[in-house]
PDB file of all heavy atoms in Angstrom:
ATOM      1  N   THR A   1     -23.487 -38.264  10.762  1.00  0.00           N
ATOM      2  CA  THR A   1     -23.384 -38.901   9.568  1.00  0.00           C
ATOM      3  C   THR A   1     -24.617 -38.232   8.717  1.00  0.00           C
ATOM      4  O   THR A   1     -25.469 -37.567   9.267  1.00  0.00           O
ATOM      5  CB  THR A   1     -23.558 -40.375   9.526  1.00  0.00           C
ATOM      6  OG1 THR A   1     -25.014 -40.728   9.712  1.00  0.00           O
ATOM      7  CG2 THR A   1     -22.743 -40.961  10.622  1.00  0.00           C
ATOM      8  N   PRO A   2     -24.636 -38.472   7.416  1.00  0.00           N
ATOM      9  CA  PRO A   2     -25.750 -37.818   6.647  1.00  0.00           C
ATOM     10  C   PRO A   2     -27.137 -38.276   7.074  1.00  0.00           C
ATOM     11  O   PRO A   2     -28.162 -37.493   6.855  1.00  0.00           O
ATOM     12  CB  PRO A   2     -25.435 -38.318   5.122  1.00  0.00           C
ATOM     13  CG  PRO A   2     -24.135 -38.579   5.114  1.00  0.00           C
ATOM     14  CD  PRO A   2     -23.609 -39.052   6.520  1.00  0.00           C
ATOM     15  N   THR A   3     -27.275 -39.439   7.810  1.00  0.00           N
ATOM     16  CA  THR A   3     -28.580 -39.908   8.186  1.00  0.00           C
ATOM     17  C   THR A   3     -28.865 -40.012   9.735  1.00  0.00           C
ATOM     18  O   THR A   3     -29.976 -40.148  10.043  1.00  0.00           O
ATOM     19  CB  THR A   3     -28.926 -41.309   7.458  1.00  0.00           C
ATOM     20  OG1 THR A   3     -27.899 -42.155   8.038  1.00  0.00           O
ATOM     21  CG2 THR A   3     -28.848 -41.175   6.002  1.00  0.00           C
ATOM     22  N   ARG A   4     -27.720 -39.981  10.471  1.00  0.00           N
ATOM     23  CA  ARG A   4     -27.990 -40.095  11.865  1.00  0.00           C
ATOM     24  C   ARG A   4     -27.006 -39.197  12.718  1.00  0.00           C
ATOM     25  O   ARG A   4     -25.991 -38.769  12.120  1.00  0.00           O
ATOM     26  CB  ARG A   4     -27.640 -41.642  12.275  1.00  0.00           C
ATOM     27  CG  ARG A   4     -28.470 -42.534  11.624  1.00  0.00           C
ATOM     28  CD  ARG A   4     -28.238 -44.008  12.226  1.00  0.00           C
ATOM     29  NE  ARG A   4     -26.933 -44.323  12.208  1.00  0.00           N
ATOM     30  CZ  ARG A   4     -26.507 -45.489  12.826  1.00  0.00           C
ATOM     31  NH1 ARG A   4     -27.322 -46.339  13.519  1.00  0.00           N
ATOM     32  NH2 ARG A   4     -25.163 -45.937  12.727  1.00  0.00           N
ATOM     33  N   ALA A   5     -27.449 -38.849  13.826  1.00  0.00           N
ATOM     34  CA  ALA A   5     -26.587 -38.215  14.809  1.00  0.00           C
ATOM     35  C   ALA A   5     -26.436 -39.244  16.023  1.00  0.00           C
ATOM     36  O   ALA A   5     -27.501 -39.477  16.630  1.00  0.00           O
ATOM     37  CB  ALA A   5     -27.148 -36.817  15.350  1.00  0.00           C
ATOM     38  N   ILE A   6     -25.292 -39.592  16.307  1.00  0.00           N
ATOM     39  CA  ILE A   6     -25.013 -40.619  17.280  1.00  0.00           C
ATOM     40  C   ILE A   6     -24.330 -40.029  18.476  1.00  0.00           C
ATOM     41  O   ILE A   6     -23.186 -39.511  18.218  1.00  0.00           O
ATOM     42  CB  ILE A   6     -24.295 -41.857  16.688  1.00  0.00           C
ATOM     43  CG1 ILE A   6     -25.024 -42.357  15.488  1.00  0.00           C
ATOM     44  CG2 ILE A   6     -24.153 -42.882  17.819  1.00  0.00           C
ATOM     45  CD1 ILE A   6     -24.052 -43.040  14.558  1.00  0.00           C
ATOM     46  N   THR A   7     -24.902 -40.107  19.609  1.00  0.00           N
ATOM     47  CA  THR A   7     -24.242 -39.570  20.843  1.00  0.00           C
ATOM     48  C   THR A   7     -23.904 -40.710  21.701  1.00  0.00           C
ATOM     49  O   THR A   7     -24.714 -41.469  22.160  1.00  0.00           O
ATOM     50  CB  THR A   7     -25.151 -38.454  21.474  1.00  0.00           C
ATOM     51  OG1 THR A   7     -25.275 -37.315  20.659  1.00  0.00           O
ATOM     52  CG2 THR A   7     -24.534 -38.044  22.808  1.00  0.00           C
ATOM     53  N   GLU A   8     -22.624 -40.692  22.181  1.00  0.00           N
ATOM     54  CA  GLU A   8     -22.163 -41.548  23.264  1.00  0.00           C
ATOM     55  C   GLU A   8     -21.787 -40.691  24.429  1.00  0.00           C
ATOM     56  O   GLU A   8     -20.867 -39.873  24.433  1.00  0.00           O
ATOM     57  CB  GLU A   8     -20.913 -42.323  22.746  1.00  0.00           C
ATOM     58  CG  GLU A   8     -20.473 -43.265  23.769  1.00  0.00           C
ATOM     59  CD  GLU A   8     -19.268 -44.151  23.363  1.00  0.00           C
ATOM     60  OE1 GLU A   8     -18.222 -43.657  23.294  1.00  0.00           O
ATOM     61  OE2 GLU A   8     -19.537 -45.378  22.958  1.00  0.00           O
ATOM     62  N   TYR A   9     -22.658 -40.906  25.498  1.00  0.00           N
ATOM     63  CA  TYR A   9     -22.306 -40.283  26.693  1.00  0.00           C
ATOM     64  C   TYR A   9     -21.277 -41.023  27.364  1.00  0.00           C
ATOM     65  O   TYR A   9     -21.382 -42.207  27.614  1.00  0.00           O
ATOM     66  CB  TYR A   9     -23.627 -40.240  27.673  1.00  0.00           C
ATOM     67  CG  TYR A   9     -24.645 -39.245  27.147  1.00  0.00           C
ATOM     68  CD1 TYR A   9     -25.568 -39.747  26.192  1.00  0.00           C
ATOM     69  CD2 TYR A   9     -24.745 -37.998  27.565  1.00  0.00           C
ATOM     70  CE1 TYR A   9     -26.541 -38.887  25.642  1.00  0.00           C
ATOM     71  CE2 TYR A   9     -25.836 -37.146  27.159  1.00  0.00           C
ATOM     72  CZ  TYR A   9     -26.649 -37.620  26.186  1.00  0.00           C
ATOM     73  OH  TYR A   9     -27.592 -36.773  25.671  1.00  0.00           O
ATOM     74  N   ARG A  10     -20.164 -40.400  27.714  1.00  0.00           N
ATOM     75  CA  ARG A  10     -18.973 -41.079  28.349  1.00  0.00           C
ATOM     76  C   ARG A  10     -18.791 -40.642  29.731  1.00  0.00           C
ATOM     77  O   ARG A  10     -18.548 -39.344  29.912  1.00  0.00           O
ATOM     78  CB  ARG A  10     -17.750 -40.781  27.482  1.00  0.00           C
ATOM     79  CG  ARG A  10     -17.829 -41.255  26.050  1.00  0.00           C
ATOM     80  CD  ARG A  10     -16.554 -41.014  25.259  1.00  0.00           C
ATOM     81  NE  ARG A  10     -16.655 -41.604  23.839  1.00  0.00           N
ATOM     82  CZ  ARG A  10     -15.689 -41.421  22.891  1.00  0.00           C
ATOM     83  NH1 ARG A  10     -14.774 -40.666  23.164  1.00  0.00           N
ATOM     84  NH2 ARG A  10     -15.859 -42.098  21.841  1.00  0.00           N
ATOM     85  N   PHE A  11     -19.090 -41.475  30.626  1.00  0.00           N
ATOM     86  CA  PHE A  11     -19.118 -41.113  32.009  1.00  0.00           C
ATOM     87  C   PHE A  11     -17.780 -41.404  32.819  1.00  0.00           C
ATOM     88  O   PHE A  11     -17.298 -42.475  32.880  1.00  0.00           O
ATOM     89  CB  PHE A  11     -20.230 -41.887  32.829  1.00  0.00           C
ATOM     90  CG  PHE A  11     -21.679 -41.691  32.163  1.00  0.00           C
ATOM     91  CD1 PHE A  11     -22.269 -42.820  31.627  1.00  0.00           C
ATOM     92  CD2 PHE A  11     -22.212 -40.479  32.175  1.00  0.00           C
ATOM     93  CE1 PHE A  11     -23.520 -42.534  31.010  1.00  0.00           C
ATOM     94  CE2 PHE A  11     -23.390 -40.242  31.629  1.00  0.00           C
ATOM     95  CZ  PHE A  11     -24.169 -41.371  30.973  1.00  0.00           C
ATOM     96  N   SER A  12     -17.294 -40.394  33.347  1.00  0.00           N
ATOM     97  CA  SER A  12     -16.010 -40.510  34.076  1.00  0.00           C
ATOM     98  C   SER A  12     -16.106 -41.284  35.400  1.00  0.00           C
ATOM     99  O   SER A  12     -17.250 -41.180  35.978  1.00  0.00           O
ATOM    100  CB  SER A  12     -15.425 -39.084  34.488  1.00  0.00           C
ATOM    101  OG  SER A  12     -15.268 -38.300  33.377  1.00  0.00           O
ATOM    102  N   ALA A  13     -15.181 -42.072  35.784  1.00  0.00           N
ATOM    103  CA  ALA A  13     -15.217 -42.867  36.986  1.00  0.00           C
ATOM    104  C   ALA A  13     -14.754 -41.972  38.104  1.00  0.00           C
ATOM    105  O   ALA A  13     -13.718 -42.158  38.783  1.00  0.00           O
ATOM    106  CB  ALA A  13     -14.214 -44.053  36.924  1.00  0.00           C
ATOM    107  N   GLY A  14     -15.505 -40.903  38.349  1.00  0.00           N
ATOM    108  CA  GLY A  14     -15.222 -39.903  39.406  1.00  0.00           C
ATOM    109  C   GLY A  14     -14.346 -38.829  39.008  1.00  0.00           C
ATOM    110  O   GLY A  14     -13.773 -38.797  37.882  1.00  0.00           O
ATOM    111  N   VAL A  15     -14.283 -37.760  39.903  1.00  0.00           N
ATOM    112  CA  VAL A  15     -13.428 -36.696  39.580  1.00  0.00           C
ATOM    113  C   VAL A  15     -12.489 -36.406  40.772  1.00  0.00           C
ATOM    114  O   VAL A  15     -11.560 -35.526  40.773  1.00  0.00           O
ATOM    115  CB  VAL A  15     -14.218 -35.367  39.384  1.00  0.00           C
ATOM    116  CG1 VAL A  15     -15.076 -35.567  38.157  1.00  0.00           C
ATOM    117  CG2 VAL A  15     -15.142 -34.971  40.534  1.00  0.00           C
ATOM    118  N   ARG A  16     -12.613 -37.188  41.842  1.00  0.00           N
ATOM    119  CA  ARG A  16     -11.712 -36.848  42.966  1.00  0.00           C
ATOM    120  C   ARG A  16     -10.307 -37.384  42.822  1.00  0.00           C
ATOM    121  O   ARG A  16      -9.270 -36.879  43.417  1.00  0.00           O
ATOM    122  CB  ARG A  16     -12.284 -37.488  44.321  1.00  0.00           C
ATOM    123  CG  ARG A  16     -13.698 -36.967  44.627  1.00  0.00           C
ATOM    124  CD  ARG A  16     -13.693 -35.551  45.034  1.00  0.00           C
ATOM    125  NE  ARG A  16     -13.044 -35.254  46.226  1.00  0.00           N
ATOM    126  CZ  ARG A  16     -13.022 -34.015  46.724  1.00  0.00           C
ATOM    127  NH1 ARG A  16     -13.629 -33.033  46.100  1.00  0.00           N
ATOM    128  NH2 ARG A  16     -12.521 -33.788  47.951  1.00  0.00           N
ATOM    129  N   GLN A  17     -10.091 -38.282  41.895  1.00  0.00           N
ATOM    130  CA  GLN A  17      -8.842 -38.805  41.602  1.00  0.00           C
ATOM    131  C   GLN A  17      -8.585 -38.599  40.070  1.00  0.00           C
ATOM    132  O   GLN A  17      -9.501 -38.764  39.267  1.00  0.00           O
ATOM    133  CB  GLN A  17      -8.629 -40.435  41.897  1.00  0.00           C
ATOM    134  CG  GLN A  17      -8.784 -40.764  43.307  1.00  0.00           C
ATOM    135  CD  GLN A  17      -7.800 -40.245  44.291  1.00  0.00           C
ATOM    136  OE1 GLN A  17      -6.620 -40.206  43.845  1.00  0.00           O
ATOM    137  NE2 GLN A  17      -8.144 -39.864  45.437  1.00  0.00           N
ATOM    138  N   ARG A  18      -7.235 -38.267  39.715  1.00  0.00           N
ATOM    139  CA  ARG A  18      -7.129 -37.983  38.303  1.00  0.00           C
ATOM    140  C   ARG A  18      -6.878 -39.331  37.612  1.00  0.00           C
ATOM    141  O   ARG A  18      -6.158 -40.135  37.885  1.00  0.00           O
ATOM    142  CB  ARG A  18      -5.806 -37.166  38.095  1.00  0.00           C
ATOM    143  CG  ARG A  18      -5.525 -36.768  36.663  1.00  0.00           C
ATOM    144  CD  ARG A  18      -4.274 -35.936  36.455  1.00  0.00           C
ATOM    145  NE  ARG A  18      -4.181 -35.615  35.086  1.00  0.00           N
ATOM    146  CZ  ARG A  18      -2.986 -35.686  34.457  1.00  0.00           C
ATOM    147  NH1 ARG A  18      -1.891 -35.951  35.089  1.00  0.00           N
ATOM    148  NH2 ARG A  18      -2.928 -35.392  33.140  1.00  0.00           N
ATOM    149  N   SER A  19      -7.862 -39.582  36.627  1.00  0.00           N
ATOM    150  CA  SER A  19      -7.852 -40.774  35.826  1.00  0.00           C
ATOM    151  C   SER A  19      -8.673 -40.634  34.642  1.00  0.00           C
ATOM    152  O   SER A  19      -9.576 -39.793  34.539  1.00  0.00           O
ATOM    153  CB  SER A  19      -8.615 -41.836  36.742  1.00  0.00           C
ATOM    154  OG  SER A  19      -8.903 -43.056  36.005  1.00  0.00           O
ATOM    155  N   THR A  20      -8.320 -41.455  33.525  1.00  0.00           N
ATOM    156  CA  THR A  20      -9.123 -41.416  32.327  1.00  0.00           C
ATOM    157  C   THR A  20      -9.944 -42.559  32.204  1.00  0.00           C
ATOM    158  O   THR A  20     -10.588 -42.856  31.230  1.00  0.00           O
ATOM    159  CB  THR A  20      -8.209 -41.324  31.070  1.00  0.00           C
ATOM    160  OG1 THR A  20      -7.350 -42.562  31.113  1.00  0.00           O
ATOM    161  CG2 THR A  20      -7.309 -40.113  31.026  1.00  0.00           C
ATOM    162  N   ARG A  21     -10.170 -43.242  33.261  1.00  0.00           N
ATOM    163  CA  ARG A  21     -11.006 -44.558  33.232  1.00  0.00           C
ATOM    164  C   ARG A  21     -12.507 -44.099  33.305  1.00  0.00           C
ATOM    165  O   ARG A  21     -12.977 -43.064  33.898  1.00  0.00           O
ATOM    166  CB  ARG A  21     -10.847 -45.413  34.613  1.00  0.00           C
ATOM    167  CG  ARG A  21     -11.577 -46.684  34.624  1.00  0.00           C
ATOM    168  CD  ARG A  21     -11.159 -47.506  35.728  1.00  0.00           C
ATOM    169  NE  ARG A  21     -11.393 -46.941  37.012  1.00  0.00           N
ATOM    170  CZ  ARG A  21     -12.512 -47.093  37.561  1.00  0.00           C
ATOM    171  NH1 ARG A  21     -13.487 -47.845  37.138  1.00  0.00           N
ATOM    172  NH2 ARG A  21     -12.718 -46.519  38.790  1.00  0.00           N
ATOM    173  N   LEU A  22     -13.364 -44.752  32.442  1.00  0.00           N
ATOM    174  CA  LEU A  22     -14.754 -44.486  32.404  1.00  0.00           C
ATOM    175  C   LEU A  22     -15.539 -45.498  33.325  1.00  0.00           C
ATOM    176  O   LEU A  22     -15.209 -46.632  33.456  1.00  0.00           O
ATOM    177  CB  LEU A  22     -15.222 -44.639  30.911  1.00  0.00           C
ATOM    178  CG  LEU A  22     -14.722 -43.744  29.875  1.00  0.00           C
ATOM    179  CD1 LEU A  22     -15.294 -43.963  28.571  1.00  0.00           C
ATOM    180  CD2 LEU A  22     -14.918 -42.231  30.254  1.00  0.00           C
ATOM    181  N   ALA A  23     -16.607 -44.929  33.883  1.00  0.00           N
ATOM    182  CA  ALA A  23     -17.564 -45.837  34.618  1.00  0.00           C
ATOM    183  C   ALA A  23     -18.484 -46.478  33.686  1.00  0.00           C
ATOM    184  O   ALA A  23     -19.135 -47.575  33.982  1.00  0.00           O
ATOM    185  CB  ALA A  23     -18.294 -44.934  35.589  1.00  0.00           C
ATOM    186  N   GLY A  24     -18.669 -45.963  32.472  1.00  0.00           N
ATOM    187  CA  GLY A  24     -19.665 -46.526  31.493  1.00  0.00           C
ATOM    188  C   GLY A  24     -19.991 -45.510  30.472  1.00  0.00           C
ATOM    189  O   GLY A  24     -19.475 -44.415  30.305  1.00  0.00           O
ATOM    190  N   THR A  25     -20.867 -45.976  29.463  1.00  0.00           N
ATOM    191  CA  THR A  25     -21.210 -45.186  28.385  1.00  0.00           C
ATOM    192  C   THR A  25     -22.770 -45.334  28.141  1.00  0.00           C
ATOM    193  O   THR A  25     -23.300 -46.388  28.507  1.00  0.00           O
ATOM    194  CB  THR A  25     -20.397 -45.509  27.019  1.00  0.00           C
ATOM    195  OG1 THR A  25     -20.658 -46.883  26.812  1.00  0.00           O
ATOM    196  CG2 THR A  25     -18.963 -45.177  27.310  1.00  0.00           C
ATOM    197  N   LYS A  26     -23.310 -44.499  27.386  1.00  0.00           N
ATOM    198  CA  LYS A  26     -24.781 -44.533  26.970  1.00  0.00           C
ATOM    199  C   LYS A  26     -24.798 -44.132  25.503  1.00  0.00           C
ATOM    200  O   LYS A  26     -24.438 -42.955  25.244  1.00  0.00           O
ATOM    201  CB  LYS A  26     -25.624 -43.834  27.916  1.00  0.00           C
ATOM    202  CG  LYS A  26     -27.109 -43.799  27.460  1.00  0.00           C
ATOM    203  CD  LYS A  26     -27.715 -45.120  27.429  1.00  0.00           C
ATOM    204  CE  LYS A  26     -29.155 -44.916  26.916  1.00  0.00           C
ATOM    205  NZ  LYS A  26     -29.835 -46.349  26.917  1.00  0.00           N
ATOM    206  N   ARG A  27     -25.335 -44.883  24.653  1.00  0.00           N
ATOM    207  CA  ARG A  27     -25.399 -44.523  23.228  1.00  0.00           C
ATOM    208  C   ARG A  27     -26.824 -44.276  22.791  1.00  0.00           C
ATOM    209  O   ARG A  27     -27.771 -45.077  23.079  1.00  0.00           O
ATOM    210  CB  ARG A  27     -24.853 -45.699  22.308  1.00  0.00           C
ATOM    211  CG  ARG A  27     -24.621 -45.340  20.877  1.00  0.00           C
ATOM    212  CD  ARG A  27     -23.922 -46.504  20.197  1.00  0.00           C
ATOM    213  NE  ARG A  27     -23.503 -46.381  18.749  1.00  0.00           N
ATOM    214  CZ  ARG A  27     -24.310 -46.630  17.851  1.00  0.00           C
ATOM    215  NH1 ARG A  27     -25.412 -47.432  18.093  1.00  0.00           N
ATOM    216  NH2 ARG A  27     -23.907 -46.403  16.564  1.00  0.00           N
ATOM    217  N   ILE A  28     -27.100 -43.036  22.328  1.00  0.00           N
ATOM    218  CA  ILE A  28     -28.292 -42.713  21.728  1.00  0.00           C
ATOM    219  C   ILE A  28     -28.276 -42.242  20.284  1.00  0.00           C
ATOM    220  O   ILE A  28     -27.355 -41.441  19.925  1.00  0.00           O
ATOM    221  CB  ILE A  28     -29.005 -41.588  22.668  1.00  0.00           C
ATOM    222  CG1 ILE A  28     -29.129 -42.086  24.133  1.00  0.00           C
ATOM    223  CG2 ILE A  28     -30.303 -41.122  22.122  1.00  0.00           C
ATOM    224  CD1 ILE A  28     -29.608 -41.002  25.091  1.00  0.00           C
ATOM    225  N   VAL A  29     -29.265 -42.667  19.488  1.00  0.00           N
ATOM    226  CA  VAL A  29     -29.130 -42.373  17.987  1.00  0.00           C
ATOM    227  C   VAL A  29     -30.392 -41.543  17.591  1.00  0.00           C
ATOM    228  O   VAL A  29     -31.490 -41.853  18.023  1.00  0.00           O
ATOM    229  CB  VAL A  29     -29.109 -43.667  17.223  1.00  0.00           C
ATOM    230  CG1 VAL A  29     -29.109 -43.344  15.755  1.00  0.00           C
ATOM    231  CG2 VAL A  29     -27.876 -44.532  17.608  1.00  0.00           C
ATOM    232  N   ALA A  30     -30.098 -40.503  16.896  1.00  0.00           N
ATOM    233  CA  ALA A  30     -31.219 -39.653  16.254  1.00  0.00           C
ATOM    234  C   ALA A  30     -31.348 -39.799  14.759  1.00  0.00           C
ATOM    235  O   ALA A  30     -30.141 -39.785  14.117  1.00  0.00           O
ATOM    236  CB  ALA A  30     -30.969 -38.124  16.627  1.00  0.00           C
TER     237      ALA A  30
END
C-alpha cells in the first residue's frame, strides 16, 4: 500500500501429500 508493506507467510501443511491446507500464517508489517 502507499504506507505499508504487509507480508503474510503462508505455511503449507507439509509436502509429502498433495494438499492446499495451511499449517498456519505469520503476518509482518513494514
